[in-house]
Amino acid sequence: MYYWLKVIHLFFIIGWMATLFYLPRIFVHFQRGKEQNANVEYLKVMASKLFAFMSIMGFLAIGSGLCLAIESGMLLKVAGNPFKWLFIKMIFVFCLILYHISCYFFLVKMKKDELSQTHIFFRFYNELPTLLMIPILYYAVFKSMAVFAN
C-alpha cells in the first residue's frame, strides 16, 4: 500500500507544481497585454479555471502526503523530534501553500482589473515555487542524511 500511496502522491505533486509554475505566467501575459492595450479578458477565465484545478491538485497532494506519512509511521517520528527531515521539508511545503494562497489574492485582483504589479514582478514571482521545490526535493531524497535533519 505504501508504494501505491507514493505513486499517487507524486502524481498529484507533479500536477500541483505544474499549475504553480504556470498561473504566474498567465499574470505576466495579462499585465503585458494590458500595457499593449490587447484584449486580455480570456486570460481571466483561463487563470480562474487553472486556479480551480491547482487547488484540487494541491489538496490531493497534501492529503496523499499526509496519508503517506501516517502509513509509513513517519508522522509519529516527526512528533517525537522536531528536527527530523520531514518536519524541515514540511516548512517548505507550508511556504508553497502560502504561495498558492497568494496566487488566489492576485487572481481576485486580476478579475477586478486591480492588479498593480508589473509583468516583471510576476516574472520573478514565478520563480518562487522552483526555489521552494529545491529543498523539498533535497529532504525528500536524502531524508535523515540531509544536513540539519538530525
C-alpha atoms as a PDB file:
ATOM      1  CA  MET A   1       0.000   0.000   0.000  1.00  0.00           C
ATOM      2  CA  TYR A   2       2.884   2.347   0.828  1.00  0.00           C
ATOM      3  CA  TYR A   3       4.265   2.373  -2.730  1.00  0.00           C
ATOM      4  CA  TRP A   4       0.834   2.954  -4.273  1.00  0.00           C
ATOM      5  CA  LEU A   5       0.369   5.915  -1.952  1.00  0.00           C
ATOM      6  CA  LYS A   6       3.766   7.189  -3.018  1.00  0.00           C
ATOM      7  CA  VAL A   7       2.820   6.951  -6.723  1.00  0.00           C
ATOM      8  CA  ILE A   8      -0.471   8.759  -6.066  1.00  0.00           C
ATOM      9  CA  HIS A   9       1.321  11.427  -4.036  1.00  0.00           C
ATOM     10  CA  LEU A  10       3.919  12.011  -6.767  1.00  0.00           C
ATOM     11  CA  PHE A  11       1.185  12.223  -9.414  1.00  0.00           C
ATOM     12  CA  PHE A  12      -0.638  14.975  -7.520  1.00  0.00           C
ATOM     13  CA  ILE A  13       2.609  16.775  -6.651  1.00  0.00           C
ATOM     14  CA  ILE A  14       3.518  16.942 -10.347  1.00  0.00           C
ATOM     15  CA  GLY A  15       0.073  18.338 -11.163  1.00  0.00           C
ATOM     16  CA  TRP A  16       0.220  20.896  -8.357  1.00  0.00           C
ATOM     17  CA  MET A  17       3.730  22.065  -9.212  1.00  0.00           C
ATOM     18  CA  ALA A  18       2.905  22.396 -12.922  1.00  0.00           C
ATOM     19  CA  THR A  19      -0.007  24.683 -12.114  1.00  0.00           C
ATOM     20  CA  LEU A  20       2.020  26.653  -9.559  1.00  0.00           C
ATOM     21  CA  PHE A  21       4.575  27.275 -12.311  1.00  0.00           C
ATOM     22  CA  TYR A  22       2.021  28.250 -14.942  1.00  0.00           C
ATOM     23  CA  LEU A  23      -0.500  30.520 -13.175  1.00  0.00           C
ATOM     24  CA  PRO A  24       2.005  33.355 -12.592  1.00  0.00           C
ATOM     25  CA  ARG A  25       2.915  33.141 -16.296  1.00  0.00           C
ATOM     26  CA  ILE A  26      -0.713  33.990 -17.029  1.00  0.00           C
ATOM     27  CA  PHE A  27      -0.313  37.021 -14.742  1.00  0.00           C
ATOM     28  CA  VAL A  28       2.763  38.022 -16.773  1.00  0.00           C
ATOM     29  CA  HIS A  29       0.839  37.789 -20.058  1.00  0.00           C
ATOM     30  CA  PHE A  30      -2.132  39.625 -18.560  1.00  0.00           C
ATOM     31  CA  GLN A  31      -0.026  42.577 -17.412  1.00  0.00           C
ATOM     32  CA  ARG A  32       1.943  42.721 -20.685  1.00  0.00           C
ATOM     33  CA  GLY A  33      -1.275  42.567 -22.656  1.00  0.00           C
ATOM     34  CA  LYS A  34      -2.786  45.398 -20.638  1.00  0.00           C
ATOM     35  CA  GLU A  35       0.325  47.519 -21.276  1.00  0.00           C
ATOM     36  CA  GLN A  36      -0.125  46.907 -25.011  1.00  0.00           C
ATOM     37  CA  ASN A  37      -3.907  47.548 -24.891  1.00  0.00           C
ATOM     38  CA  ALA A  38      -4.616  43.978 -26.003  1.00  0.00           C
ATOM     39  CA  ASN A  39      -7.752  42.006 -25.173  1.00  0.00           C
ATOM     40  CA  VAL A  40      -6.814  40.053 -22.040  1.00  0.00           C
ATOM     41  CA  GLU A  41     -10.274  39.045 -20.797  1.00  0.00           C
ATOM     42  CA  TYR A  42      -9.757  35.423 -21.876  1.00  0.00           C
ATOM     43  CA  LEU A  43      -6.741  35.257 -19.525  1.00  0.00           C
ATOM     44  CA  LYS A  44      -9.038  35.921 -16.559  1.00  0.00           C
ATOM     45  CA  VAL A  45     -11.129  32.875 -17.471  1.00  0.00           C
ATOM     46  CA  MET A  46      -8.015  30.807 -18.094  1.00  0.00           C
ATOM     47  CA  ALA A  47      -6.496  31.819 -14.753  1.00  0.00           C
ATOM     48  CA  SER A  48      -9.725  31.084 -12.861  1.00  0.00           C
ATOM     49  CA  LYS A  49     -10.014  27.600 -14.326  1.00  0.00           C
ATOM     50  CA  LEU A  50      -6.342  26.884 -13.741  1.00  0.00           C
ATOM     51  CA  PHE A  51      -6.589  28.049 -10.124  1.00  0.00           C
ATOM     52  CA  ALA A  52      -9.540  25.709  -9.517  1.00  0.00           C
ATOM     53  CA  PHE A  53      -7.541  22.789 -10.927  1.00  0.00           C
ATOM     54  CA  MET A  54      -4.446  23.921  -8.982  1.00  0.00           C
ATOM     55  CA  SER A  55      -6.433  23.884  -5.734  1.00  0.00           C
ATOM     56  CA  ILE A  56      -7.694  20.352  -6.365  1.00  0.00           C
ATOM     57  CA  MET A  57      -4.168  19.141  -7.164  1.00  0.00           C
ATOM     58  CA  GLY A  58      -2.755  20.890  -4.081  1.00  0.00           C
ATOM     59  CA  PHE A  59      -5.412  19.465  -1.787  1.00  0.00           C
ATOM     60  CA  LEU A  60      -4.893  15.942  -3.128  1.00  0.00           C
ATOM     61  CA  ALA A  61      -1.083  16.287  -2.981  1.00  0.00           C
ATOM     62  CA  ILE A  62      -1.197  17.373   0.656  1.00  0.00           C
ATOM     63  CA  GLY A  63      -3.833  14.779   1.528  1.00  0.00           C
ATOM     64  CA  SER A  64      -1.921  11.938  -0.098  1.00  0.00           C
ATOM     65  CA  GLY A  65       1.270  13.161   1.584  1.00  0.00           C
ATOM     66  CA  LEU A  66      -0.413  13.007   4.984  1.00  0.00           C
ATOM     67  CA  CYS A  67      -1.714   9.506   4.202  1.00  0.00           C
ATOM     68  CA  LEU A  68       1.806   8.511   3.193  1.00  0.00           C
ATOM     69  CA  ALA A  69       3.254   9.902   6.429  1.00  0.00           C
ATOM     70  CA  ILE A  70       0.629   8.091   8.503  1.00  0.00           C
ATOM     71  CA  GLU A  71       1.026   4.801   6.590  1.00  0.00           C
ATOM     72  CA  SER A  72       4.808   4.826   6.995  1.00  0.00           C
ATOM     73  CA  GLY A  73       4.695   5.877  10.653  1.00  0.00           C
ATOM     74  CA  MET A  74       6.800   8.966   9.939  1.00  0.00           C
ATOM     75  CA  LEU A  75       4.229  11.317  11.414  1.00  0.00           C
ATOM     76  CA  LEU A  76       4.878   9.846  14.864  1.00  0.00           C
ATOM     77  CA  LYS A  77       8.641  10.142  14.403  1.00  0.00           C
ATOM     78  CA  VAL A  78       8.331  13.816  13.466  1.00  0.00           C
ATOM     79  CA  ALA A  79       6.199  14.499  16.529  1.00  0.00           C
ATOM     80  CA  GLY A  80       8.936  12.972  18.688  1.00  0.00           C
ATOM     81  CA  ASN A  81      11.785  15.025  17.238  1.00  0.00           C
ATOM     82  CA  PRO A  82      11.069  18.383  15.537  1.00  0.00           C
ATOM     83  CA  PHE A  83      14.462  18.363  13.785  1.00  0.00           C
ATOM     84  CA  LYS A  84      13.744  15.395  11.534  1.00  0.00           C
ATOM     85  CA  TRP A  85      13.880  15.780   7.746  1.00  0.00           C
ATOM     86  CA  LEU A  86      10.114  15.577   7.296  1.00  0.00           C
ATOM     87  CA  PHE A  87       9.491  18.479   9.653  1.00  0.00           C
ATOM     88  CA  ILE A  88      12.004  20.646   7.772  1.00  0.00           C
ATOM     89  CA  LYS A  89      10.503  19.597   4.439  1.00  0.00           C
ATOM     90  CA  MET A  90       7.036  20.492   5.719  1.00  0.00           C
ATOM     91  CA  ILE A  91       8.194  24.038   6.471  1.00  0.00           C
ATOM     92  CA  PHE A  92       8.964  24.476   2.765  1.00  0.00           C
ATOM     93  CA  VAL A  93       5.683  22.780   1.795  1.00  0.00           C
ATOM     94  CA  PHE A  94       3.887  25.267   4.057  1.00  0.00           C
ATOM     95  CA  CYS A  95       5.640  28.061   2.146  1.00  0.00           C
ATOM     96  CA  LEU A  96       4.294  26.544  -1.101  1.00  0.00           C
ATOM     97  CA  ILE A  97       0.812  26.591   0.419  1.00  0.00           C
ATOM     98  CA  LEU A  98       1.280  30.283   1.260  1.00  0.00           C
ATOM     99  CA  TYR A  99       2.406  30.875  -2.328  1.00  0.00           C
ATOM    100  CA  HIS A 100      -0.722  29.092  -3.552  1.00  0.00           C
ATOM    101  CA  ILE A 101      -2.868  31.352  -1.357  1.00  0.00           C
ATOM    102  CA  SER A 102      -1.044  34.448  -2.617  1.00  0.00           C
ATOM    103  CA  CYS A 103      -1.907  33.374  -6.181  1.00  0.00           C
ATOM    104  CA  TYR A 104      -5.556  33.475  -5.159  1.00  0.00           C
ATOM    105  CA  PHE A 105      -5.250  37.090  -3.997  1.00  0.00           C
ATOM    106  CA  PHE A 106      -3.555  38.070  -7.255  1.00  0.00           C
ATOM    107  CA  LEU A 107      -6.304  36.252  -9.168  1.00  0.00           C
ATOM    108  CA  VAL A 108      -9.023  38.190  -7.327  1.00  0.00           C
ATOM    109  CA  LYS A 109      -7.254  41.469  -8.145  1.00  0.00           C
ATOM    110  CA  MET A 110      -6.836  40.368 -11.756  1.00  0.00           C
ATOM    111  CA  LYS A 111     -10.563  39.668 -12.116  1.00  0.00           C
ATOM    112  CA  LYS A 112     -11.343  43.175 -10.789  1.00  0.00           C
ATOM    113  CA  ASP A 113      -8.692  44.793 -13.022  1.00  0.00           C
ATOM    114  CA  GLU A 114      -6.887  45.962  -9.875  1.00  0.00           C
ATOM    115  CA  LEU A 115      -3.632  44.070 -10.409  1.00  0.00           C
ATOM    116  CA  SER A 116      -0.969  46.720  -9.820  1.00  0.00           C
ATOM    117  CA  GLN A 117       2.205  44.601 -10.041  1.00  0.00           C
ATOM    118  CA  THR A 118       4.178  44.720 -13.276  1.00  0.00           C
ATOM    119  CA  HIS A 119       4.865  41.810 -15.602  1.00  0.00           C
ATOM    120  CA  ILE A 120       8.487  41.990 -14.414  1.00  0.00           C
ATOM    121  CA  PHE A 121       7.341  41.420 -10.815  1.00  0.00           C
ATOM    122  CA  PHE A 122       5.450  38.306 -11.905  1.00  0.00           C
ATOM    123  CA  ARG A 123       8.473  37.021 -13.821  1.00  0.00           C
ATOM    124  CA  PHE A 124      10.393  36.975 -10.525  1.00  0.00           C
ATOM    125  CA  TYR A 125       7.367  35.830  -8.515  1.00  0.00           C
ATOM    126  CA  ASN A 126       7.103  32.889 -10.914  1.00  0.00           C
ATOM    127  CA  GLU A 127      10.493  31.591  -9.731  1.00  0.00           C
ATOM    128  CA  LEU A 128       9.498  31.157  -6.069  1.00  0.00           C
ATOM    129  CA  PRO A 129       7.982  27.663  -6.419  1.00  0.00           C
ATOM    130  CA  THR A 130      11.176  26.464  -8.093  1.00  0.00           C
ATOM    131  CA  LEU A 131      13.271  27.847  -5.250  1.00  0.00           C
ATOM    132  CA  LEU A 132      10.975  26.188  -2.700  1.00  0.00           C
ATOM    133  CA  MET A 133      10.968  22.901  -4.600  1.00  0.00           C
ATOM    134  CA  ILE A 134      14.773  22.523  -4.353  1.00  0.00           C
ATOM    135  CA  PRO A 135      14.924  21.990  -0.553  1.00  0.00           C
ATOM    136  CA  ILE A 136      11.713  19.926  -0.656  1.00  0.00           C
ATOM    137  CA  LEU A 137      13.323  17.522  -3.136  1.00  0.00           C
ATOM    138  CA  TYR A 138      16.590  17.575  -1.194  1.00  0.00           C
ATOM    139  CA  TYR A 139      14.926  16.499   2.054  1.00  0.00           C
ATOM    140  CA  ALA A 140      12.625  14.009   0.302  1.00  0.00           C
ATOM    141  CA  VAL A 141      15.550  12.250  -1.399  1.00  0.00           C
ATOM    142  CA  PHE A 142      18.246  12.418   1.260  1.00  0.00           C
ATOM    143  CA  LYS A 143      15.905  12.133   4.265  1.00  0.00           C
ATOM    144  CA  SER A 144      17.843  11.668   7.509  1.00  0.00           C
ATOM    145  CA  MET A 145      21.222  12.013   5.736  1.00  0.00           C
ATOM    146  CA  ALA A 146      20.342  15.636   4.944  1.00  0.00           C
ATOM    147  CA  VAL A 147      22.156  18.496   6.631  1.00  0.00           C
ATOM    148  CA  PHE A 148      20.214  19.872   9.643  1.00  0.00           C
ATOM    149  CA  ALA A 149      17.927  16.806   9.694  1.00  0.00           C
ATOM    150  CA  ASN A 150      19.372  15.270  12.862  1.00  0.00           C
END
